[in-house]
């Protein structure tokens, strides 16, 4: 019986130690910047989004703000990564030119058909922003 009690004690100690390690690990993540956390985010490239045109797909994008376009009621900004650039429609405040943005959004497509060009579709893929997850301001004095 003493052996059985000892085995239960050892098992409880292992579980307690494992719980302490996991809890400590989770709590320490709170001080890390989001870019260092693995949140199972699959950040897409802008070039892939434009090529695949998967309308209504939910995507994560990271890039640098190149242009801004304020509208009444909402706004848009052009996000660029190494693979291309895309317009992002937002209802939040516009990021500044040069800011780095990580966002979650939905892929949208606006069709523009011009009859003089034999019905050719000149539409464009854009992103409807759901949430800005991170915004890093541009370096002072830089773009």
Protein backbone atom coordinates (compact mmCIF):
# COMPACT_ATOMS: atom_id res chain seq x y z
CA UNK A 1 0.00 0.00 0.00
CA UNK A 2 2.91 2.36 0.71
CA UNK A 3 4.16 1.78 -2.86
CA UNK A 4 0.73 2.70 -4.31
CA UNK A 5 0.63 5.92 -2.26
CA UNK A 6 4.15 6.78 -3.42
CA UNK A 7 3.15 6.24 -7.10
CA UNK A 8 0.10 8.49 -6.70
CA UNK A 9 2.28 11.15 -5.04
CA UNK A 10 4.87 11.02 -7.86
CA UNK A 11 2.13 11.25 -10.51
CA UNK A 12 0.49 14.22 -8.74
CA UNK A 13 3.90 15.93 -8.52
CA UNK A 14 4.48 15.44 -12.27
CA UNK A 15 1.05 16.83 -13.16
CA UNK A 16 1.53 19.79 -10.81
CA UNK A 17 4.96 20.54 -12.26
CA UNK A 18 3.65 20.35 -15.82
CA UNK A 19 0.74 22.67 -14.95
CA UNK A 20 3.13 25.17 -13.39
CA UNK A 21 5.40 25.14 -16.46
CA UNK A 22 2.47 25.59 -18.89
CA UNK A 23 0.89 28.37 -16.83
CA UNK A 24 4.20 30.18 -16.53
CA UNK A 25 4.75 29.90 -20.26
CA UNK A 26 1.33 31.30 -21.08
CA UNK A 27 1.66 34.20 -18.65
CA UNK A 28 5.11 35.13 -19.94
CA UNK A 29 3.73 35.42 -23.50
CA UNK A 30 1.74 38.48 -22.46
CA UNK A 31 4.85 40.64 -22.52
CA UNK A 32 5.97 39.60 -26.01
CA UNK A 33 5.11 41.71 -29.05
CA UNK A 34 2.44 40.11 -31.23
CA UNK A 35 4.91 39.55 -34.07
CA UNK A 36 6.85 37.12 -31.85
CA UNK A 37 3.83 35.04 -30.88
CA UNK A 38 2.77 32.02 -32.87
CA UNK A 39 -0.99 32.57 -33.04
CA UNK A 40 -1.55 30.09 -35.86
CA UNK A 41 -1.93 33.03 -38.21
CA UNK A 42 -1.13 32.22 -41.79
CA UNK A 43 -0.15 35.63 -43.14
CA UNK A 44 -0.88 35.63 -46.87
CA UNK A 45 1.12 37.39 -49.53
CA UNK A 46 -0.67 40.10 -51.47
CA UNK A 47 0.47 38.58 -54.77
CA UNK A 48 -1.23 35.27 -53.90
CA UNK A 49 -4.47 37.02 -52.96
CA UNK A 50 -4.58 38.92 -56.25
CA UNK A 51 -3.76 35.82 -58.26
CA UNK A 52 -6.21 33.42 -56.56
CA UNK A 53 -9.09 35.91 -56.14
CA UNK A 54 -10.81 33.77 -53.51
CA UNK A 55 -13.70 36.14 -52.82
CA UNK A 56 -15.02 36.08 -49.24
CA UNK A 57 -11.90 34.28 -47.97
CA UNK A 58 -10.70 35.46 -44.55
CA UNK A 59 -7.02 36.43 -44.68
CA UNK A 60 -4.27 37.92 -42.56
CA UNK A 61 -1.99 40.46 -44.24
CA UNK A 62 1.13 42.30 -43.18
CA UNK A 63 2.58 45.21 -45.11
CA UNK A 64 3.55 48.84 -45.34
CA UNK A 65 1.02 51.61 -46.01
CA UNK A 66 1.87 53.29 -49.33
CA UNK A 67 -1.17 55.47 -50.10
CA UNK A 68 -4.30 56.69 -48.32
CA UNK A 69 -7.77 57.65 -49.58
CA UNK A 70 -10.27 59.14 -47.09
CA UNK A 71 -13.96 58.81 -48.01
CA UNK A 72 -17.16 59.86 -46.28
CA UNK A 73 -18.06 57.16 -43.74
CA UNK A 74 -14.99 55.02 -44.34
CA UNK A 75 -11.56 55.14 -45.94
CA UNK A 76 -9.03 53.05 -47.83
CA UNK A 77 -5.31 52.59 -47.76
CA UNK A 78 -2.93 50.78 -50.07
CA UNK A 79 -0.89 48.05 -48.40
CA UNK A 80 2.30 46.76 -49.96
CA UNK A 81 4.47 43.73 -49.24
CA UNK A 82 7.29 42.20 -51.30
CA UNK A 83 4.81 40.52 -53.66
CA UNK A 84 2.53 43.42 -54.60
CA UNK A 85 0.06 45.99 -53.32
CA UNK A 86 -3.67 45.96 -52.56
CA UNK A 87 -6.30 48.42 -51.39
CA UNK A 88 -7.82 47.90 -47.95
CA UNK A 89 -11.25 49.34 -47.18
CA UNK A 90 -11.57 50.31 -43.50
CA UNK A 91 -14.00 51.94 -41.11
CA UNK A 92 -11.23 52.58 -38.58
CA UNK A 93 -8.85 55.52 -38.52
CA UNK A 94 -6.44 55.56 -41.43
CA UNK A 95 -2.88 54.49 -40.73
CA UNK A 96 -0.17 56.92 -41.80
CA UNK A 97 2.01 56.45 -44.87
CA UNK A 98 4.94 54.23 -43.94
CA UNK A 99 3.17 52.49 -41.03
CA UNK A 100 3.51 48.71 -40.84
CA UNK A 101 0.10 47.02 -40.42
CA UNK A 102 -0.98 43.49 -39.56
CA UNK A 103 -4.67 42.99 -40.31
CA UNK A 104 -7.46 40.46 -40.58
CA UNK A 105 -9.85 40.96 -43.47
CA UNK A 106 -12.06 39.49 -46.17
CA UNK A 107 -11.11 39.27 -49.83
CA UNK A 108 -13.55 41.16 -52.05
CA UNK A 109 -13.75 41.74 -55.80
CA UNK A 110 -15.34 44.65 -57.62
CA UNK A 111 -16.13 43.91 -61.25
CA UNK A 112 -15.86 46.76 -63.75
CA UNK A 113 -16.89 45.77 -67.26
CA UNK A 114 -16.23 48.18 -70.10
CA UNK A 115 -18.30 47.59 -73.24
CA UNK A 116 -15.87 49.42 -75.54
CA UNK A 117 -13.24 46.81 -74.63
CA UNK A 118 -15.39 43.85 -75.79
CA UNK A 119 -16.86 43.34 -72.32
CA UNK A 120 -13.43 42.90 -70.77
CA UNK A 121 -13.50 42.85 -66.95
CA UNK A 122 -11.15 45.41 -65.43
CA UNK A 123 -12.22 44.65 -61.85
CA UNK A 124 -9.93 44.63 -58.88
CA UNK A 125 -9.41 42.54 -55.77
CA UNK A 126 -9.42 44.46 -52.49
CA UNK A 127 -9.60 43.70 -48.77
CA UNK A 128 -12.43 44.65 -46.45
CA UNK A 129 -10.69 45.13 -43.11
CA UNK A 130 -12.27 43.32 -40.15
CA UNK A 131 -9.62 44.18 -37.58
CA UNK A 132 -6.23 45.85 -37.34
CA UNK A 133 -4.21 43.49 -35.16
CA UNK A 134 -1.04 45.54 -35.02
CA UNK A 135 0.13 48.94 -36.27
CA UNK A 136 3.74 50.05 -36.05
CA UNK A 137 4.24 53.74 -36.82
CA UNK A 138 6.72 54.72 -39.49
CA UNK A 139 10.15 55.70 -38.25
CA UNK A 140 10.47 59.44 -37.54
CA UNK A 141 11.80 61.29 -40.56
CA UNK A 142 11.32 58.28 -42.85
CA UNK A 143 8.63 57.05 -45.19
